[in-house]
Amino acid sequence: DKRIAYAQAERDAAIAKAQPDAADRVRAAEEERDTARKAAAVAEAVTEQAKQEATRAQTAAEAAQAETKRVRADAEQTLTQARADNARERDELRADLRARAERAEHQADAYRAELDRVHDSAPDPEPAEPPVKTARRGTRGQAAQPRTAAD
């Protein structure tokens, strides 16, 4: 019986001695578990925040692409309108120049007709003596140049 009692006492002493160590290990494991859970929660929050930022960045990129397309379309429309305006102005200018040329031609025809009427209505001058040839003045190159009213 002594041996049993002694074995039980030794067992109880070993248990008593191991209990604080086991309790410390359990507490350390629980603290480690809690720390790991907190770290996991922080990592999950950071991951969620990163996903949200990625979504915002994707949305901003898509908006920028849409804005770029809109600006390109506006620029193309502006260029097309400018080209059309330039073509229209060119056509209007050509038409105006043609009209001016026709008016000038009609005016020249009218002046020619008036000049012809004046010539036709003027009495024929009596033939005068044939024109006398005058001596040439200047060099040969000057003689080849047409004479002006100032000559």
N, C-alpha and C. Protein backbone atom coordinates (compact mmCIF):
# COMPACT_ATOMS: atom_id res chain seq x y z
N ASP A 1 0.79 -1.18 0.00
CA ASP A 1 0.00 0.00 0.00
C ASP A 1 0.85 1.26 0.00
N LYS A 2 1.98 1.17 0.65
CA LYS A 2 2.86 2.31 0.69
C LYS A 2 3.35 2.63 -0.72
N ARG A 3 3.59 1.60 -1.40
CA ARG A 3 4.09 1.83 -2.74
C ARG A 3 3.02 2.47 -3.60
N ILE A 4 1.83 2.10 -3.42
CA ILE A 4 0.74 2.69 -4.20
C ILE A 4 0.57 4.14 -3.76
N ALA A 5 0.62 4.36 -2.47
CA ALA A 5 0.44 5.71 -1.96
C ALA A 5 1.61 6.58 -2.44
N TYR A 6 2.82 5.98 -2.38
CA TYR A 6 3.99 6.72 -2.83
C TYR A 6 3.86 7.03 -4.33
N ALA A 7 3.43 6.10 -5.13
CA ALA A 7 3.27 6.30 -6.57
C ALA A 7 2.20 7.35 -6.83
N GLN A 8 1.14 7.28 -6.02
CA GLN A 8 0.08 8.27 -6.21
C GLN A 8 0.60 9.66 -5.82
N ALA A 9 1.38 9.74 -4.77
CA ALA A 9 1.93 11.01 -4.32
C ALA A 9 2.89 11.56 -5.38
N GLU A 10 3.70 10.67 -5.94
CA GLU A 10 4.62 11.09 -6.99
C GLU A 10 3.84 11.57 -8.22
N ARG A 11 2.82 10.81 -8.52
CA ARG A 11 1.97 11.20 -9.66
C ARG A 11 1.34 12.55 -9.40
N ASP A 12 0.79 12.75 -8.21
CA ASP A 12 0.14 14.02 -7.87
C ASP A 12 1.16 15.16 -7.90
N ALA A 13 2.37 14.91 -7.43
CA ALA A 13 3.41 15.93 -7.43
C ALA A 13 3.80 16.27 -8.87
N ALA A 14 3.91 15.24 -9.71
CA ALA A 14 4.27 15.48 -11.11
C ALA A 14 3.16 16.25 -11.81
N ILE A 15 1.93 15.88 -11.46
CA ILE A 15 0.79 16.59 -12.07
C ILE A 15 0.80 18.04 -11.60
N ALA A 16 1.01 18.25 -10.30
CA ALA A 16 1.02 19.59 -9.75
C ALA A 16 2.15 20.41 -10.37
N LYS A 17 3.28 19.75 -10.57
CA LYS A 17 4.41 20.45 -11.17
C LYS A 17 4.14 20.72 -12.65
N ALA A 18 3.49 19.85 -13.38
CA ALA A 18 3.24 19.99 -14.82
C ALA A 18 2.08 20.93 -15.11
N GLN A 19 1.16 21.07 -14.14
CA GLN A 19 -0.02 21.91 -14.40
C GLN A 19 0.35 23.36 -14.70
N PRO A 20 1.18 24.03 -13.93
CA PRO A 20 1.51 25.42 -14.27
C PRO A 20 2.21 25.52 -15.63
N ASP A 21 3.10 24.56 -15.91
CA ASP A 21 3.80 24.58 -17.20
C ASP A 21 2.81 24.37 -18.34
N ALA A 22 1.87 23.44 -18.16
CA ALA A 22 0.85 23.19 -19.18
C ALA A 22 -0.05 24.40 -19.32
N ALA A 23 -0.41 25.01 -18.20
CA ALA A 23 -1.26 26.20 -18.25
C ALA A 23 -0.54 27.32 -18.99
N ASP A 24 0.77 27.47 -18.74
CA ASP A 24 1.55 28.49 -19.45
C ASP A 24 1.58 28.20 -20.95
N ARG A 25 1.75 26.92 -21.28
CA ARG A 25 1.77 26.54 -22.70
C ARG A 25 0.41 26.79 -23.35
N VAL A 26 -0.66 26.47 -22.64
CA VAL A 26 -2.01 26.70 -23.17
C VAL A 26 -2.23 28.19 -23.37
N ARG A 27 -1.85 29.01 -22.35
CA ARG A 27 -1.99 30.46 -22.45
C ARG A 27 -1.18 30.99 -23.64
N ALA A 28 0.04 30.51 -23.82
CA ALA A 28 0.89 30.95 -24.93
C ALA A 28 0.26 30.55 -26.26
N ALA A 29 -0.28 29.35 -26.33
CA ALA A 29 -0.94 28.89 -27.56
C ALA A 29 -2.17 29.73 -27.85
N GLU A 30 -2.94 30.04 -26.80
CA GLU A 30 -4.13 30.88 -26.99
C GLU A 30 -3.74 32.28 -27.46
N GLU A 31 -2.67 32.85 -26.85
CA GLU A 31 -2.21 34.18 -27.27
C GLU A 31 -1.72 34.15 -28.72
N GLU A 32 -1.00 33.08 -29.07
CA GLU A 32 -0.52 32.94 -30.44
C GLU A 32 -1.69 32.81 -31.41
N ARG A 33 -2.70 32.02 -30.99
CA ARG A 33 -3.91 31.88 -31.81
C ARG A 33 -4.59 33.23 -31.98
N ASP A 34 -4.74 34.00 -30.88
CA ASP A 34 -5.39 35.31 -30.95
C ASP A 34 -4.60 36.27 -31.84
N THR A 35 -3.27 36.23 -31.71
CA THR A 35 -2.41 37.08 -32.54
C THR A 35 -2.56 36.69 -34.01
N ALA A 36 -2.59 35.40 -34.29
CA ALA A 36 -2.76 34.93 -35.67
C ALA A 36 -4.12 35.35 -36.22
N ARG A 37 -5.16 35.27 -35.37
CA ARG A 37 -6.50 35.70 -35.82
C ARG A 37 -6.51 37.19 -36.13
N LYS A 38 -5.85 37.99 -35.26
CA LYS A 38 -5.79 39.44 -35.51
C LYS A 38 -5.02 39.72 -36.80
N ALA A 39 -3.90 39.03 -36.98
CA ALA A 39 -3.11 39.21 -38.20
C ALA A 39 -3.92 38.81 -39.42
N ALA A 40 -4.68 37.73 -39.31
CA ALA A 40 -5.53 37.29 -40.42
C ALA A 40 -6.61 38.32 -40.71
N ALA A 41 -7.19 38.91 -39.63
CA ALA A 41 -8.22 39.94 -39.82
C ALA A 41 -7.62 41.17 -40.49
N VAL A 42 -6.42 41.56 -40.05
CA VAL A 42 -5.75 42.71 -40.67
C VAL A 42 -5.44 42.41 -42.13
N ALA A 43 -4.93 41.21 -42.40
CA ALA A 43 -4.62 40.83 -43.78
C ALA A 43 -5.88 40.82 -44.63
N GLU A 44 -6.98 40.35 -44.06
CA GLU A 44 -8.24 40.33 -44.80
C GLU A 44 -8.71 41.75 -45.08
N ALA A 45 -8.56 42.65 -44.09
CA ALA A 45 -8.96 44.05 -44.29
C ALA A 45 -8.08 44.70 -45.35
N VAL A 46 -6.77 44.43 -45.29
CA VAL A 46 -5.85 44.99 -46.29
C VAL A 46 -6.18 44.45 -47.67
N THR A 47 -6.48 43.16 -47.74
CA THR A 47 -6.85 42.54 -49.02
C THR A 47 -8.12 43.18 -49.56
N GLU A 48 -9.11 43.38 -48.69
CA GLU A 48 -10.37 44.00 -49.13
C GLU A 48 -10.12 45.43 -49.60
N GLN A 49 -9.28 46.16 -48.86
CA GLN A 49 -8.96 47.53 -49.25
C GLN A 49 -8.23 47.53 -50.60
N ALA A 50 -7.32 46.61 -50.79
CA ALA A 50 -6.60 46.51 -52.07
C ALA A 50 -7.55 46.19 -53.21
N LYS A 51 -8.53 45.30 -52.93
CA LYS A 51 -9.52 44.98 -53.97
C LYS A 51 -10.33 46.23 -54.32
N GLN A 52 -10.73 46.99 -53.29
CA GLN A 52 -11.51 48.20 -53.54
C GLN A 52 -10.69 49.22 -54.33
N GLU A 53 -9.42 49.37 -53.96
CA GLU A 53 -8.56 50.30 -54.69
C GLU A 53 -8.35 49.83 -56.13
N ALA A 54 -8.20 48.54 -56.32
CA ALA A 54 -8.05 48.00 -57.67
C ALA A 54 -9.32 48.25 -58.48
N THR A 55 -10.47 48.07 -57.84
CA THR A 55 -11.74 48.33 -58.52
C THR A 55 -11.86 49.81 -58.89
N ARG A 56 -11.49 50.69 -57.94
CA ARG A 56 -11.53 52.13 -58.23
C ARG A 56 -10.56 52.48 -59.35
N ALA A 57 -9.37 51.88 -59.33
CA ALA A 57 -8.38 52.15 -60.38
C ALA A 57 -8.89 51.66 -61.73
N GLN A 58 -9.51 50.50 -61.75
CA GLN A 58 -10.07 49.97 -63.00
C GLN A 58 -11.18 50.88 -63.52
N THR A 59 -12.03 51.34 -62.60
CA THR A 59 -13.11 52.24 -62.98
C THR A 59 -12.54 53.55 -63.52
N ALA A 60 -11.51 54.07 -62.84
CA ALA A 60 -10.88 55.31 -63.31
C ALA A 60 -10.22 55.11 -64.67
N ALA A 61 -9.59 53.96 -64.88
CA ALA A 61 -8.96 53.68 -66.18
C ALA A 61 -10.01 53.60 -67.28
N GLU A 62 -11.12 52.94 -66.98
CA GLU A 62 -12.19 52.83 -67.98
C GLU A 62 -12.78 54.21 -68.27
N ALA A 63 -12.94 55.03 -67.21
CA ALA A 63 -13.46 56.38 -67.42
C ALA A 63 -12.48 57.20 -68.26
N ALA A 64 -11.18 57.04 -68.00
CA ALA A 64 -10.18 57.76 -68.78
C ALA A 64 -10.20 57.32 -70.24
N GLN A 65 -10.36 56.02 -70.46
CA GLN A 65 -10.43 55.52 -71.84
C GLN A 65 -11.68 56.06 -72.54
N ALA A 66 -12.79 56.08 -71.81
CA ALA A 66 -14.02 56.61 -72.39
C ALA A 66 -13.86 58.10 -72.70
N GLU A 67 -13.22 58.84 -71.79
CA GLU A 67 -12.99 60.27 -72.02
C GLU A 67 -12.07 60.47 -73.22
N THR A 68 -11.05 59.64 -73.33
CA THR A 68 -10.14 59.73 -74.48
C THR A 68 -10.90 59.48 -75.78
N LYS A 69 -11.75 58.46 -75.77
CA LYS A 69 -12.55 58.18 -76.98
C LYS A 69 -13.46 59.35 -77.30
N ARG A 70 -14.08 59.94 -76.25
CA ARG A 70 -14.99 61.07 -76.47
C ARG A 70 -14.22 62.27 -77.03
N VAL A 71 -13.04 62.54 -76.45
CA VAL A 71 -12.23 63.66 -76.92
C VAL A 71 -11.79 63.42 -78.37
N ARG A 72 -11.38 62.19 -78.68
CA ARG A 72 -10.98 61.88 -80.06
C ARG A 72 -12.16 62.07 -81.01
N ALA A 73 -13.33 61.60 -80.59
CA ALA A 73 -14.51 61.75 -81.44
C ALA A 73 -14.84 63.23 -81.63
N ASP A 74 -14.75 64.02 -80.54
CA ASP A 74 -15.00 65.46 -80.64
C ASP A 74 -13.98 66.12 -81.57
N ALA A 75 -12.72 65.73 -81.42
CA ALA A 75 -11.67 66.30 -82.28
C ALA A 75 -11.91 65.93 -83.74
N GLU A 76 -12.27 64.69 -83.98
CA GLU A 76 -12.55 64.25 -85.35
C GLU A 76 -13.74 65.01 -85.92
N GLN A 77 -14.76 65.20 -85.09
CA GLN A 77 -15.94 65.94 -85.54
C GLN A 77 -15.56 67.39 -85.83
N THR A 78 -14.73 67.98 -84.96
CA THR A 78 -14.29 69.35 -85.17
C THR A 78 -13.49 69.46 -86.46
N LEU A 79 -12.58 68.51 -86.68
CA LEU A 79 -11.79 68.52 -87.92
C LEU A 79 -12.67 68.36 -89.15
N THR A 80 -13.62 67.44 -89.06
CA THR A 80 -14.54 67.22 -90.18
C THR A 80 -15.33 68.49 -90.46
N GLN A 81 -15.82 69.14 -89.40
CA GLN A 81 -16.58 70.38 -89.57
C GLN A 81 -15.69 71.47 -90.16
N ALA A 82 -14.45 71.57 -89.67
CA ALA A 82 -13.53 72.58 -90.20
C ALA A 82 -13.23 72.33 -91.67
N ARG A 83 -13.03 71.06 -92.01
CA ARG A 83 -12.78 70.73 -93.43
C ARG A 83 -13.99 71.09 -94.29
N ALA A 84 -15.18 70.78 -93.78
CA ALA A 84 -16.39 71.11 -94.53
C ALA A 84 -16.55 72.62 -94.66
N ASP A 85 -16.27 73.35 -93.56
CA ASP A 85 -16.36 74.82 -93.61
C ASP A 85 -15.36 75.38 -94.61
N ASN A 86 -14.13 74.86 -94.58
CA ASN A 86 -13.11 75.33 -95.52
C ASN A 86 -13.51 75.04 -96.96
N ALA A 87 -14.05 73.86 -97.20
CA ALA A 87 -14.48 73.50 -98.56
C ALA A 87 -15.62 74.43 -99.00
N ARG A 88 -16.56 74.69 -98.09
CA ARG A 88 -17.67 75.58 -98.42
C ARG A 88 -17.16 76.99 -98.70
N GLU A 89 -16.25 77.49 -97.85
CA GLU A 89 -15.70 78.82 -98.06
C GLU A 89 -14.92 78.89 -99.37
N ARG A 90 -14.17 77.82 -99.68
CA ARG A 90 -13.43 77.77 -100.94
C ARG A 90 -14.40 77.82 -102.12
N ASP A 91 -15.49 77.05 -102.03
CA ASP A 91 -16.47 77.04 -103.11
C ASP A 91 -17.13 78.41 -103.25
N GLU A 92 -17.44 79.04 -102.10
CA GLU A 92 -18.05 80.37 -102.14
C GLU A 92 -17.08 81.37 -102.76
N LEU A 93 -15.80 81.27 -102.38
CA LEU A 93 -14.79 82.18 -102.93
C LEU A 93 -14.64 81.97 -104.43
N ARG A 94 -14.61 80.72 -104.86
CA ARG A 94 -14.52 80.43 -106.30
C ARG A 94 -15.72 81.02 -107.04
N ALA A 95 -16.91 80.81 -106.47
CA ALA A 95 -18.12 81.34 -107.11
C ALA A 95 -18.06 82.86 -107.17
N ASP A 96 -17.60 83.48 -106.08
CA ASP A 96 -17.50 84.94 -106.06
C ASP A 96 -16.48 85.42 -107.10
N LEU A 97 -15.34 84.73 -107.17
CA LEU A 97 -14.32 85.12 -108.15
C LEU A 97 -14.82 84.92 -109.57
N ARG A 98 -15.56 83.83 -109.81
CA ARG A 98 -16.14 83.62 -111.15
C ARG A 98 -17.12 84.74 -111.49
N ALA A 99 -17.97 85.10 -110.50
CA ALA A 99 -18.95 86.16 -110.74
C ALA A 99 -18.23 87.48 -111.02
N ARG A 100 -17.17 87.76 -110.26
CA ARG A 100 -16.42 88.99 -110.49
C ARG A 100 -15.78 88.97 -111.88
N ALA A 101 -15.22 87.81 -112.25
CA ALA A 101 -14.59 87.70 -113.57
C ALA A 101 -15.63 87.91 -114.66
N GLU A 102 -16.82 87.33 -114.48
CA GLU A 102 -17.87 87.52 -115.49
C GLU A 102 -18.29 88.98 -115.56
N ARG A 103 -18.44 89.62 -114.37
CA ARG A 103 -18.81 91.04 -114.37
C ARG A 103 -17.73 91.87 -115.05
N ALA A 104 -16.46 91.55 -114.77
CA ALA A 104 -15.36 92.29 -115.39
C ALA A 104 -15.36 92.06 -116.90
N GLU A 105 -15.65 90.82 -117.30
CA GLU A 105 -15.70 90.52 -118.73
C GLU A 105 -16.85 91.27 -119.40
N HIS A 106 -18.01 91.29 -118.74
CA HIS A 106 -19.16 92.04 -119.29
C HIS A 106 -18.84 93.53 -119.34
N GLN A 107 -18.17 94.03 -118.31
CA GLN A 107 -17.80 95.45 -118.29
C GLN A 107 -16.83 95.75 -119.42
N ALA A 108 -15.85 94.84 -119.60
CA ALA A 108 -14.88 95.04 -120.69
C ALA A 108 -15.60 95.00 -122.04
N ASP A 109 -16.56 94.06 -122.19
CA ASP A 109 -17.33 94.00 -123.43
C ASP A 109 -18.11 95.29 -123.64
N ALA A 110 -18.69 95.81 -122.55
CA ALA A 110 -19.46 97.06 -122.66
C ALA A 110 -18.54 98.21 -123.05
N TYR A 111 -17.34 98.27 -122.44
CA TYR A 111 -16.39 99.33 -122.81
C TYR A 111 -15.96 99.20 -124.26
N ARG A 112 -15.72 97.96 -124.70
CA ARG A 112 -15.34 97.74 -126.10
C ARG A 112 -16.47 98.19 -127.03
N ALA A 113 -17.70 97.82 -126.68
CA ALA A 113 -18.85 98.21 -127.50
C ALA A 113 -18.98 99.73 -127.54
N GLU A 114 -18.80 100.37 -126.39
CA GLU A 114 -18.87 101.83 -126.33
C GLU A 114 -17.77 102.45 -127.19
N LEU A 115 -16.58 101.87 -127.09
CA LEU A 115 -15.47 102.37 -127.89
C LEU A 115 -15.76 102.18 -129.38
N ASP A 116 -16.32 101.02 -129.75
CA ASP A 116 -16.68 100.79 -131.15
C ASP A 116 -17.73 101.79 -131.61
N ARG A 117 -18.73 102.10 -130.76
CA ARG A 117 -19.75 103.09 -131.13
C ARG A 117 -19.13 104.47 -131.33
N VAL A 118 -18.20 104.81 -130.43
CA VAL A 118 -17.55 106.11 -130.57
C VAL A 118 -16.76 106.15 -131.87
N HIS A 119 -16.04 105.07 -132.14
CA HIS A 119 -15.27 105.03 -133.40
C HIS A 119 -16.20 105.08 -134.61
N ASP A 120 -17.31 104.33 -134.52
CA ASP A 120 -18.24 104.30 -135.66
C ASP A 120 -18.95 105.64 -135.85
N SER A 121 -19.24 106.34 -134.78
CA SER A 121 -19.98 107.60 -134.91
C SER A 121 -19.05 108.78 -135.20
N ALA A 122 -17.78 108.63 -135.00
CA ALA A 122 -16.85 109.73 -135.27
C ALA A 122 -16.65 109.84 -136.78
N PRO A 123 -16.57 111.07 -137.25
CA PRO A 123 -16.34 111.22 -138.69
C PRO A 123 -14.95 110.70 -139.05
N ASP A 124 -14.87 110.17 -140.25
CA ASP A 124 -13.59 109.66 -140.71
C ASP A 124 -12.64 110.84 -140.89
N PRO A 125 -11.53 110.77 -140.29
CA PRO A 125 -10.57 111.88 -140.49
C PRO A 125 -10.04 111.84 -141.93
N GLU A 126 -9.77 112.99 -142.39
CA GLU A 126 -9.25 113.07 -143.74
C GLU A 126 -7.85 112.50 -143.72
N PRO A 127 -7.53 111.75 -144.74
CA PRO A 127 -6.19 111.19 -144.71
C PRO A 127 -5.17 112.30 -144.73
N ALA A 128 -4.31 112.22 -143.86
CA ALA A 128 -3.23 113.20 -143.76
C ALA A 128 -2.04 112.64 -144.52
N GLU A 129 -1.01 113.39 -144.46
CA GLU A 129 0.17 112.90 -145.13
C GLU A 129 0.59 111.60 -144.49
N PRO A 130 1.18 110.73 -145.28
CA PRO A 130 1.60 109.47 -144.68
C PRO A 130 2.59 109.74 -143.55
N PRO A 131 2.54 108.93 -142.58
CA PRO A 131 3.42 109.16 -141.43
C PRO A 131 4.88 109.08 -141.87
N VAL A 132 5.62 109.93 -141.30
CA VAL A 132 7.03 109.99 -141.62
C VAL A 132 7.76 109.07 -140.67
N LYS A 133 8.67 108.32 -141.25
CA LYS A 133 9.45 107.43 -140.39
C LYS A 133 10.44 108.28 -139.64
N THR A 134 10.48 108.03 -138.36
CA THR A 134 11.42 108.80 -137.55
C THR A 134 12.64 107.95 -137.29
N ALA A 135 13.71 108.61 -136.98
CA ALA A 135 14.94 107.88 -136.70
C ALA A 135 14.80 107.17 -135.36
N ARG A 136 15.42 106.05 -135.33
CA ARG A 136 15.37 105.28 -134.09
C ARG A 136 16.30 105.91 -133.08
N ARG A 137 15.83 105.83 -131.85
CA ARG A 137 16.66 106.33 -130.77
C ARG A 137 17.01 105.17 -129.86
N GLY A 138 18.18 105.16 -129.31
CA GLY A 138 18.54 104.15 -128.34
C GLY A 138 19.22 102.95 -128.97
N THR A 139 19.40 101.95 -128.17
CA THR A 139 20.09 100.75 -128.62
C THR A 139 19.10 99.80 -129.24
N ARG A 140 19.64 98.77 -129.79
CA ARG A 140 18.81 97.76 -130.43
C ARG A 140 17.87 97.10 -129.42
N GLY A 141 18.38 96.81 -128.21
CA GLY A 141 17.55 96.19 -127.17
C GLY A 141 16.40 97.08 -126.78
N GLN A 142 16.66 98.39 -126.78
CA GLN A 142 15.59 99.32 -126.42
C GLN A 142 14.56 99.39 -127.52
N ALA A 143 14.99 99.25 -128.76
CA ALA A 143 14.06 99.33 -129.88
C ALA A 143 13.11 98.16 -129.87
N ALA A 144 13.56 97.03 -129.35
CA ALA A 144 12.72 95.85 -129.34
C ALA A 144 11.65 95.93 -128.25
N GLN A 145 11.84 96.85 -127.31
CA GLN A 145 10.86 96.96 -126.22
C GLN A 145 9.64 97.72 -126.71
N PRO A 146 8.46 97.31 -126.26
CA PRO A 146 7.26 98.02 -126.71
C PRO A 146 7.24 99.44 -126.16
N ARG A 147 6.65 100.30 -126.91
CA ARG A 147 6.58 101.70 -126.50
C ARG A 147 5.38 101.90 -125.59
N THR A 148 5.55 102.80 -124.68
CA THR A 148 4.45 103.11 -123.77
C THR A 148 3.97 104.51 -124.07
N ALA A 149 2.91 104.92 -123.40
CA ALA A 149 2.34 106.24 -123.63
C ALA A 149 3.33 107.32 -123.22
N ALA A 150 4.22 107.01 -122.31
CA ALA A 150 5.20 107.99 -121.86
C ALA A 150 6.27 108.23 -122.91
N ASP A 151 6.47 107.31 -123.87
CA ASP A 151 7.52 107.46 -124.89
C ASP A 151 7.18 108.56 -125.79
